[in-house]
């Protein structure tokens, strides 16, 4: 039986161990929000007006011995993802200024063909209290196909125009939306009331990714799903998903979110 015949899956495991077990050319779209290797393990970052301190770095899953080890990790993940993509599938890979250039180089070396790089302009960025450089108000999403010959990929141009900033009269690769900060109703909290995941992405971001580049019934892979935002949005918009996550607490949180979405759907 094919993965696509099994419906929605949330897998507790390491992506590097799970991905090789999945059949080739299975997915219509892949979304990856990988470790950024921010190297900020000793820094604490606060947001204006918030009581909660949000540590961006210092998580085991974001720590690597060197750029060489990080590059090998990303190369292995991206190699497997390319194998798993259908011929005209697309892939989205997130990053920040710390890693996006390295990731982009690896992708091009592997044969991926870039469609564009979207800029997520945050309307509530984390302030830079050190005043040594500008506040980083952007993250980036590389959007690509598996090779130069893929030309029948899904792209909803009308929707792309609707989600572009109103100052533009055409569809552009800039998205303006807030982060899922500690004060957001969407933000998951632990038993102490602290953010459960330091880099939880807003549903609005995944909604744009999914509605722009997939159709109803398509199957989406997220190999490092965190708290499961990809699956939550996919479920709401009649897409199927396979998500992988190695941290047990995030898998449990993702499962609870999916259960809530299913329950709400049954009540409607």
C-alpha atoms as a PDB file:
ATOM      1  CA  UNK A   1       0.000   0.000   0.000  1.00  0.00           C
ATOM      2  CA  UNK A   2       1.205   3.492  -0.842  1.00  0.00           C
ATOM      3  CA  UNK A   3       1.635   6.263   1.744  1.00  0.00           C
ATOM      4  CA  UNK A   4      -0.878   8.326  -0.235  1.00  0.00           C
ATOM      5  CA  UNK A   5      -3.533   5.653   0.394  1.00  0.00           C
ATOM      6  CA  UNK A   6      -3.180   5.829   4.163  1.00  0.00           C
ATOM      7  CA  UNK A   7      -4.559   9.311   4.726  1.00  0.00           C
ATOM      8  CA  UNK A   8      -3.031  11.691   7.256  1.00  0.00           C
ATOM      9  CA  UNK A   9       0.015  10.590   9.258  1.00  0.00           C
ATOM     10  CA  UNK A  10       1.869  12.094  12.225  1.00  0.00           C
ATOM     11  CA  UNK A  11       5.100  10.156  12.740  1.00  0.00           C
ATOM     12  CA  UNK A  12       7.210  10.337  15.877  1.00  0.00           C
ATOM     13  CA  UNK A  13      10.762   9.869  14.661  1.00  0.00           C
ATOM     14  CA  UNK A  14      13.921  11.388  13.220  1.00  0.00           C
ATOM     15  CA  UNK A  15      13.462  12.677   9.673  1.00  0.00           C
ATOM     16  CA  UNK A  16      16.847  11.280   8.618  1.00  0.00           C
ATOM     17  CA  UNK A  17      15.665   7.806   9.639  1.00  0.00           C
ATOM     18  CA  UNK A  18      12.048   8.040   8.454  1.00  0.00           C
ATOM     19  CA  UNK A  19      12.429   9.710   5.040  1.00  0.00           C
ATOM     20  CA  UNK A  20      14.490   6.897   3.438  1.00  0.00           C
ATOM     21  CA  UNK A  21      11.643   4.489   4.248  1.00  0.00           C
ATOM     22  CA  UNK A  22       9.041   6.447   2.287  1.00  0.00           C
ATOM     23  CA  UNK A  23       8.331   5.622  -1.381  1.00  0.00           C
ATOM     24  CA  UNK A  24       9.706   7.864  -4.125  1.00  0.00           C
ATOM     25  CA  UNK A  25       7.571  10.454  -5.915  1.00  0.00           C
ATOM     26  CA  UNK A  26       4.830  10.437  -3.280  1.00  0.00           C
ATOM     27  CA  UNK A  27       4.248  14.096  -2.432  1.00  0.00           C
ATOM     28  CA  UNK A  28       2.634  17.025  -4.232  1.00  0.00           C
ATOM     29  CA  UNK A  29       4.306  19.583  -1.972  1.00  0.00           C
ATOM     30  CA  UNK A  30       6.933  19.617   0.765  1.00  0.00           C
ATOM     31  CA  UNK A  31       7.308  22.263   3.442  1.00  0.00           C
ATOM     32  CA  UNK A  32      10.460  22.367   5.564  1.00  0.00           C
ATOM     33  CA  UNK A  33      11.040  24.650   8.530  1.00  0.00           C
ATOM     34  CA  UNK A  34      14.519  23.368   9.454  1.00  0.00           C
ATOM     35  CA  UNK A  35      16.884  24.379  12.241  1.00  0.00           C
ATOM     36  CA  UNK A  36      18.408  27.747  11.355  1.00  0.00           C
ATOM     37  CA  UNK A  37      21.637  27.131  13.308  1.00  0.00           C
ATOM     38  CA  UNK A  38      21.313  30.626  14.785  1.00  0.00           C
ATOM     39  CA  UNK A  39      24.211  30.148  17.231  1.00  0.00           C
ATOM     40  CA  UNK A  40      22.528  32.321  19.870  1.00  0.00           C
ATOM     41  CA  UNK A  41      22.600  29.817  22.716  1.00  0.00           C
ATOM     42  CA  UNK A  42      23.854  32.424  25.191  1.00  0.00           C
ATOM     43  CA  UNK A  43      21.499  35.204  24.134  1.00  0.00           C
ATOM     44  CA  UNK A  44      18.083  35.994  25.497  1.00  0.00           C
ATOM     45  CA  UNK A  45      15.735  38.047  23.335  1.00  0.00           C
ATOM     46  CA  UNK A  46      12.687  39.901  24.629  1.00  0.00           C
ATOM     47  CA  UNK A  47       9.814  41.478  22.764  1.00  0.00           C
ATOM     48  CA  UNK A  48       8.555  44.955  23.600  1.00  0.00           C
ATOM     49  CA  UNK A  49       5.605  44.905  25.961  1.00  0.00           C
ATOM     50  CA  UNK A  50       5.819  41.205  26.786  1.00  0.00           C
ATOM     51  CA  UNK A  51       6.506  39.696  30.180  1.00  0.00           C
ATOM     52  CA  UNK A  52       7.704  36.445  28.626  1.00  0.00           C
ATOM     53  CA  UNK A  53      11.348  36.039  27.699  1.00  0.00           C
ATOM     54  CA  UNK A  54      11.708  34.091  24.481  1.00  0.00           C
ATOM     55  CA  UNK A  55      14.997  32.246  23.990  1.00  0.00           C
ATOM     56  CA  UNK A  56      15.548  31.801  20.250  1.00  0.00           C
ATOM     57  CA  UNK A  57      18.719  29.754  20.446  1.00  0.00           C
ATOM     58  CA  UNK A  58      20.003  27.163  22.882  1.00  0.00           C
ATOM     59  CA  UNK A  59      17.749  24.313  21.753  1.00  0.00           C
ATOM     60  CA  UNK A  60      19.426  20.978  21.146  1.00  0.00           C
ATOM     61  CA  UNK A  61      17.787  20.587  17.753  1.00  0.00           C
ATOM     62  CA  UNK A  62      19.334  23.880  16.610  1.00  0.00           C
ATOM     63  CA  UNK A  63      22.889  23.087  17.702  1.00  0.00           C
ATOM     64  CA  UNK A  64      25.538  21.716  15.326  1.00  0.00           C
ATOM     65  CA  UNK A  65      29.277  21.281  15.717  1.00  0.00           C
ATOM     66  CA  UNK A  66      30.080  23.440  12.715  1.00  0.00           C
ATOM     67  CA  UNK A  67      28.762  24.811   9.438  1.00  0.00           C
ATOM     68  CA  UNK A  68      30.118  21.647   7.825  1.00  0.00           C
ATOM     69  CA  UNK A  69      27.892  19.457  10.030  1.00  0.00           C
ATOM     70  CA  UNK A  70      24.900  21.710   9.437  1.00  0.00           C
ATOM     71  CA  UNK A  71      25.436  21.600   5.678  1.00  0.00           C
ATOM     72  CA  UNK A  72      25.633  17.795   5.711  1.00  0.00           C
ATOM     73  CA  UNK A  73      22.424  17.605   7.729  1.00  0.00           C
ATOM     74  CA  UNK A  74      20.555  19.845   5.313  1.00  0.00           C
ATOM     75  CA  UNK A  75      22.017  18.099   2.262  1.00  0.00           C
ATOM     76  CA  UNK A  76      20.796  14.716   3.501  1.00  0.00           C
ATOM     77  CA  UNK A  77      17.313  16.048   4.263  1.00  0.00           C
ATOM     78  CA  UNK A  78      17.008  17.851   0.941  1.00  0.00           C
ATOM     79  CA  UNK A  79      18.330  14.884  -1.047  1.00  0.00           C
ATOM     80  CA  UNK A  80      15.641  12.646   0.399  1.00  0.00           C
ATOM     81  CA  UNK A  81      12.954  15.279  -0.127  1.00  0.00           C
ATOM     82  CA  UNK A  82      13.890  15.622  -3.791  1.00  0.00           C
ATOM     83  CA  UNK A  83      13.479  11.861  -4.228  1.00  0.00           C
ATOM     84  CA  UNK A  84      10.070  11.987  -2.558  1.00  0.00           C
ATOM     85  CA  UNK A  85       8.684  14.789  -4.748  1.00  0.00           C
ATOM     86  CA  UNK A  86       6.396  14.001  -7.644  1.00  0.00           C
ATOM     87  CA  UNK A  87       7.792  15.275 -10.994  1.00  0.00           C
ATOM     88  CA  UNK A  88       5.867  18.555 -10.786  1.00  0.00           C
ATOM     89  CA  UNK A  89       5.783  18.955  -7.014  1.00  0.00           C
ATOM     90  CA  UNK A  90       7.105  22.066  -5.309  1.00  0.00           C
ATOM     91  CA  UNK A  91       9.120  22.495  -2.136  1.00  0.00           C
ATOM     92  CA  UNK A  92       9.250  25.338   0.371  1.00  0.00           C
ATOM     93  CA  UNK A  93      12.269  25.744   2.645  1.00  0.00           C
ATOM     94  CA  UNK A  94      12.276  28.394   5.371  1.00  0.00           C
ATOM     95  CA  UNK A  95      15.272  30.268   6.654  1.00  0.00           C
ATOM     96  CA  UNK A  96      16.661  33.468   8.076  1.00  0.00           C
ATOM     97  CA  UNK A  97      19.757  35.502   7.363  1.00  0.00           C
ATOM     98  CA  UNK A  98      21.794  32.941   9.326  1.00  0.00           C
ATOM     99  CA  UNK A  99      21.156  29.975   7.042  1.00  0.00           C
ATOM    100  CA  UNK A 100      19.244  30.847   3.884  1.00  0.00           C
ATOM    101  CA  UNK A 101      22.334  31.363   1.701  1.00  0.00           C
ATOM    102  CA  UNK A 102      23.814  28.026   2.736  1.00  0.00           C
ATOM    103  CA  UNK A 103      20.518  26.218   2.192  1.00  0.00           C
ATOM    104  CA  UNK A 104      20.032  27.849  -1.190  1.00  0.00           C
ATOM    105  CA  UNK A 105      23.468  26.785  -2.380  1.00  0.00           C
ATOM    106  CA  UNK A 106      22.863  23.193  -1.273  1.00  0.00           C
ATOM    107  CA  UNK A 107      19.518  23.104  -3.073  1.00  0.00           C
ATOM    108  CA  UNK A 108      20.960  24.384  -6.334  1.00  0.00           C
ATOM    109  CA  UNK A 109      23.867  21.949  -6.103  1.00  0.00           C
ATOM    110  CA  UNK A 110      21.337  19.117  -5.731  1.00  0.00           C
ATOM    111  CA  UNK A 111      19.528  20.178  -8.896  1.00  0.00           C
ATOM    112  CA  UNK A 112      16.544  22.082  -7.510  1.00  0.00           C
ATOM    113  CA  UNK A 113      15.258  24.898  -9.711  1.00  0.00           C
ATOM    114  CA  UNK A 114      14.194  28.058  -7.870  1.00  0.00           C
ATOM    115  CA  UNK A 115      10.827  29.596  -8.690  1.00  0.00           C
ATOM    116  CA  UNK A 116      11.347  32.530  -6.322  1.00  0.00           C
ATOM    117  CA  UNK A 117      12.262  33.410  -2.758  1.00  0.00           C
ATOM    118  CA  UNK A 118       9.384  34.810  -0.739  1.00  0.00           C
ATOM    119  CA  UNK A 119      10.069  37.426   1.911  1.00  0.00           C
ATOM    120  CA  UNK A 120       8.022  37.201   5.093  1.00  0.00           C
ATOM    121  CA  UNK A 121       7.907  40.754   6.418  1.00  0.00           C
ATOM    122  CA  UNK A 122       6.941  40.558  10.072  1.00  0.00           C
ATOM    123  CA  UNK A 123       4.706  43.351  11.303  1.00  0.00           C
ATOM    124  CA  UNK A 124       5.773  42.662  14.910  1.00  0.00           C
ATOM    125  CA  UNK A 125       9.488  41.748  14.747  1.00  0.00           C
ATOM    126  CA  UNK A 126      11.640  41.080  17.794  1.00  0.00           C
ATOM    127  CA  UNK A 127      13.462  44.339  18.626  1.00  0.00           C
ATOM    128  CA  UNK A 128      17.242  44.450  18.650  1.00  0.00           C
ATOM    129  CA  UNK A 129      18.143  45.839  22.061  1.00  0.00           C
ATOM    130  CA  UNK A 130      21.865  45.947  21.376  1.00  0.00           C
ATOM    131  CA  UNK A 131      21.537  48.635  18.655  1.00  0.00           C
ATOM    132  CA  UNK A 132      24.506  47.099  16.840  1.00  0.00           C
ATOM    133  CA  UNK A 133      22.506  46.372  13.696  1.00  0.00           C
ATOM    134  CA  UNK A 134      18.956  46.759  12.346  1.00  0.00           C
ATOM    135  CA  UNK A 135      16.192  44.626  13.752  1.00  0.00           C
ATOM    136  CA  UNK A 136      15.658  41.511  11.653  1.00  0.00           C
ATOM    137  CA  UNK A 137      12.097  41.903  10.452  1.00  0.00           C
ATOM    138  CA  UNK A 138      12.173  39.240   7.756  1.00  0.00           C
ATOM    139  CA  UNK A 139      12.415  35.523   7.163  1.00  0.00           C
ATOM    140  CA  UNK A 140      12.629  33.824   3.795  1.00  0.00           C
ATOM    141  CA  UNK A 141      10.947  30.938   1.990  1.00  0.00           C
ATOM    142  CA  UNK A 142      12.694  29.372  -0.984  1.00  0.00           C
ATOM    143  CA  UNK A 143      10.082  28.023  -3.390  1.00  0.00           C
ATOM    144  CA  UNK A 144      11.452  25.516  -5.872  1.00  0.00           C
ATOM    145  CA  UNK A 145      10.775  22.529  -8.113  1.00  0.00           C
ATOM    146  CA  UNK A 146      12.943  19.401  -8.237  1.00  0.00           C
ATOM    147  CA  UNK A 147      14.583  20.294 -11.584  1.00  0.00           C
ATOM    148  CA  UNK A 148      14.515  22.756 -14.451  1.00  0.00           C
ATOM    149  CA  UNK A 149      12.123  20.593 -16.463  1.00  0.00           C
ATOM    150  CA  UNK A 150       9.217  20.772 -13.998  1.00  0.00           C
ATOM    151  CA  UNK A 151       6.672  23.161 -15.512  1.00  0.00           C
ATOM    152  CA  UNK A 152       3.208  21.948 -14.505  1.00  0.00           C
ATOM    153  CA  UNK A 153       3.449  22.805 -10.823  1.00  0.00           C
ATOM    154  CA  UNK A 154       0.468  24.246  -8.947  1.00  0.00           C
ATOM    155  CA  UNK A 155       0.343  28.019  -8.612  1.00  0.00           C
ATOM    156  CA  UNK A 156      -2.838  29.934  -7.789  1.00  0.00           C
ATOM    157  CA  UNK A 157      -2.088  33.316  -9.335  1.00  0.00           C
ATOM    158  CA  UNK A 158      -5.378  34.850  -8.251  1.00  0.00           C
ATOM    159  CA  UNK A 159      -4.745  33.923  -4.644  1.00  0.00           C
ATOM    160  CA  UNK A 160      -1.166  35.185  -4.929  1.00  0.00           C
ATOM    161  CA  UNK A 161      -2.529  38.600  -5.834  1.00  0.00           C
ATOM    162  CA  UNK A 162      -4.964  38.604  -2.928  1.00  0.00           C
ATOM    163  CA  UNK A 163      -2.227  37.940  -0.359  1.00  0.00           C
ATOM    164  CA  UNK A 164       0.251  40.449  -1.755  1.00  0.00           C
ATOM    165  CA  UNK A 165       0.595  43.779   0.073  1.00  0.00           C
ATOM    166  CA  UNK A 166      -2.108  46.200  -1.136  1.00  0.00           C
ATOM    167  CA  UNK A 167       0.484  48.749  -2.259  1.00  0.00           C
ATOM    168  CA  UNK A 168       1.233  46.430  -5.187  1.00  0.00           C
ATOM    169  CA  UNK A 169      -1.172  45.960  -8.069  1.00  0.00           C
ATOM    170  CA  UNK A 170       0.267  42.580  -9.037  1.00  0.00           C
ATOM    171  CA  UNK A 171       1.237  39.389  -7.219  1.00  0.00           C
ATOM    172  CA  UNK A 172       4.639  39.825  -5.554  1.00  0.00           C
ATOM    173  CA  UNK A 173       6.941  37.682  -3.428  1.00  0.00           C
ATOM    174  CA  UNK A 174       6.447  39.731  -0.261  1.00  0.00           C
ATOM    175  CA  UNK A 175       4.084  38.692   2.519  1.00  0.00           C
ATOM    176  CA  UNK A 176       3.181  40.894   5.455  1.00  0.00           C
ATOM    177  CA  UNK A 177       1.818  39.123   8.519  1.00  0.00           C
ATOM    178  CA  UNK A 178       2.521  38.904  12.258  1.00  0.00           C
ATOM    179  CA  UNK A 179       4.601  36.324  14.039  1.00  0.00           C
ATOM    180  CA  UNK A 180       3.056  33.841  16.430  1.00  0.00           C
ATOM    181  CA  UNK A 181       4.448  35.678  19.433  1.00  0.00           C
ATOM    182  CA  UNK A 182       4.067  34.897  23.118  1.00  0.00           C
ATOM    183  CA  UNK A 183       0.916  37.034  23.403  1.00  0.00           C
ATOM    184  CA  UNK A 184      -0.800  35.412  20.436  1.00  0.00           C
ATOM    185  CA  UNK A 185      -3.922  33.337  21.133  1.00  0.00           C
ATOM    186  CA  UNK A 186      -2.488  30.816  18.709  1.00  0.00           C
ATOM    187  CA  UNK A 187       0.749  30.336  20.653  1.00  0.00           C
ATOM    188  CA  UNK A 188       1.004  27.018  22.495  1.00  0.00           C
ATOM    189  CA  UNK A 189       2.159  27.219  26.124  1.00  0.00           C
ATOM    190  CA  UNK A 190       3.744  24.699  28.463  1.00  0.00           C
ATOM    191  CA  UNK A 191       2.631  23.948  32.036  1.00  0.00           C
ATOM    192  CA  UNK A 192       4.488  27.062  33.240  1.00  0.00           C
ATOM    193  CA  UNK A 193       2.753  29.318  30.750  1.00  0.00           C
ATOM    194  CA  UNK A 194       5.900  29.688  28.623  1.00  0.00           C
ATOM    195  CA  UNK A 195       5.919  29.238  24.832  1.00  0.00           C
ATOM    196  CA  UNK A 196       6.091  25.512  24.124  1.00  0.00           C
ATOM    197  CA  UNK A 197       8.101  25.897  20.917  1.00  0.00           C
ATOM    198  CA  UNK A 198      10.446  28.875  20.389  1.00  0.00           C
ATOM    199  CA  UNK A 199       9.801  29.153  16.646  1.00  0.00           C
ATOM    200  CA  UNK A 200       6.142  28.197  16.227  1.00  0.00           C
ATOM    201  CA  UNK A 201       4.972  29.479  12.842  1.00  0.00           C
ATOM    202  CA  UNK A 202       1.582  31.198  12.490  1.00  0.00           C
ATOM    203  CA  UNK A 203      -1.208  29.365  10.745  1.00  0.00           C
ATOM    204  CA  UNK A 204      -1.550  32.334   8.423  1.00  0.00           C
ATOM    205  CA  UNK A 205       1.887  31.662   6.966  1.00  0.00           C
ATOM    206  CA  UNK A 206       1.176  27.995   6.276  1.00  0.00           C
ATOM    207  CA  UNK A 207      -2.222  28.885   4.860  1.00  0.00           C
ATOM    208  CA  UNK A 208      -0.513  31.031   2.235  1.00  0.00           C
ATOM    209  CA  UNK A 209       1.980  28.312   1.377  1.00  0.00           C
ATOM    210  CA  UNK A 210      -0.646  25.598   1.098  1.00  0.00           C
ATOM    211  CA  UNK A 211      -3.355  27.510  -0.778  1.00  0.00           C
ATOM    212  CA  UNK A 212      -0.843  29.011  -3.201  1.00  0.00           C
ATOM    213  CA  UNK A 213       0.830  25.759  -4.228  1.00  0.00           C
ATOM    214  CA  UNK A 214      -1.573  22.842  -3.674  1.00  0.00           C
ATOM    215  CA  UNK A 215      -5.035  21.671  -4.653  1.00  0.00           C
ATOM    216  CA  UNK A 216      -7.675  19.925  -2.553  1.00  0.00           C
ATOM    217  CA  UNK A 217      -6.734  16.311  -2.043  1.00  0.00           C
ATOM    218  CA  UNK A 218      -2.997  16.895  -2.533  1.00  0.00           C
ATOM    219  CA  UNK A 219      -0.615  15.260  -0.081  1.00  0.00           C
ATOM    220  CA  UNK A 220       1.935  17.396   1.764  1.00  0.00           C
ATOM    221  CA  UNK A 221       5.102  16.360   3.594  1.00  0.00           C
ATOM    222  CA  UNK A 222       6.544  18.242   6.566  1.00  0.00           C
ATOM    223  CA  UNK A 223       9.629  16.336   7.810  1.00  0.00           C
ATOM    224  CA  UNK A 224      10.288  18.589  10.822  1.00  0.00           C
ATOM    225  CA  UNK A 225       6.792  19.632  11.784  1.00  0.00           C
ATOM    226  CA  UNK A 226       7.294  21.006  15.293  1.00  0.00           C
ATOM    227  CA  UNK A 227       3.860  21.533  16.820  1.00  0.00           C
ATOM    228  CA  UNK A 228       2.085  20.530  13.620  1.00  0.00           C
ATOM    229  CA  UNK A 229       0.925  23.782  12.053  1.00  0.00           C
ATOM    230  CA  UNK A 230       1.256  22.318   8.549  1.00  0.00           C
ATOM    231  CA  UNK A 231      -1.130  19.470   9.353  1.00  0.00           C
ATOM    232  CA  UNK A 232      -3.594  21.755  11.106  1.00  0.00           C
ATOM    233  CA  UNK A 233      -3.862  24.041   8.079  1.00  0.00           C
ATOM    234  CA  UNK A 234      -3.889  21.114   5.634  1.00  0.00           C
ATOM    235  CA  UNK A 235      -6.775  19.537   7.520  1.00  0.00           C
ATOM    236  CA  UNK A 236      -8.756  22.781   7.483  1.00  0.00           C
ATOM    237  CA  UNK A 237      -8.363  23.075   3.709  1.00  0.00           C
ATOM    238  CA  UNK A 238      -8.977  19.475   2.651  1.00  0.00           C
ATOM    239  CA  UNK A 239      -5.369  18.554   1.954  1.00  0.00           C
ATOM    240  CA  UNK A 240      -3.666  15.401   3.204  1.00  0.00           C
ATOM    241  CA  UNK A 241      -0.391  15.361   5.122  1.00  0.00           C
ATOM    242  CA  UNK A 242       2.490  13.310   6.427  1.00  0.00           C
ATOM    243  CA  UNK A 243       4.340  14.994   9.297  1.00  0.00           C
ATOM    244  CA  UNK A 244       7.486  13.849  11.091  1.00  0.00           C
ATOM    245  CA  UNK A 245       8.795  15.160  14.416  1.00  0.00           C
ATOM    246  CA  UNK A 246      11.407  13.703  16.770  1.00  0.00           C
ATOM    247  CA  UNK A 247      10.612  15.698  19.938  1.00  0.00           C
ATOM    248  CA  UNK A 248       7.932  13.864  21.921  1.00  0.00           C
ATOM    249  CA  UNK A 249       6.422  16.981  23.504  1.00  0.00           C
ATOM    250  CA  UNK A 250       5.928  18.554  20.091  1.00  0.00           C
ATOM    251  CA  UNK A 251       4.362  15.385  18.688  1.00  0.00           C
ATOM    252  CA  UNK A 252       1.910  15.342  21.583  1.00  0.00           C
ATOM    253  CA  UNK A 253       1.057  19.005  21.019  1.00  0.00           C
ATOM    254  CA  UNK A 254       0.593  18.442  17.283  1.00  0.00           C
ATOM    255  CA  UNK A 255      -1.710  15.476  17.963  1.00  0.00           C
ATOM    256  CA  UNK A 256      -3.871  17.535  20.314  1.00  0.00           C
ATOM    257  CA  UNK A 257      -4.142  20.355  17.766  1.00  0.00           C
ATOM    258  CA  UNK A 258      -5.209  17.929  15.046  1.00  0.00           C
ATOM    259  CA  UNK A 259      -7.804  16.408  17.347  1.00  0.00           C
ATOM    260  CA  UNK A 260      -9.247  19.856  18.031  1.00  0.00           C
ATOM    261  CA  UNK A 261      -9.513  20.630  14.311  1.00  0.00           C
ATOM    262  CA  UNK A 262     -11.270  17.317  13.667  1.00  0.00           C
ATOM    263  CA  UNK A 263     -13.679  17.930  16.567  1.00  0.00           C
ATOM    264  CA  UNK A 264     -14.569  21.411  15.323  1.00  0.00           C
ATOM    265  CA  UNK A 265     -15.154  20.032  11.837  1.00  0.00           C
ATOM    266  CA  UNK A 266     -17.566  17.436  13.246  1.00  0.00           C
ATOM    267  CA  UNK A 267     -19.508  20.116  15.126  1.00  0.00           C
ATOM    268  CA  UNK A 268     -20.100  22.220  12.029  1.00  0.00           C
END
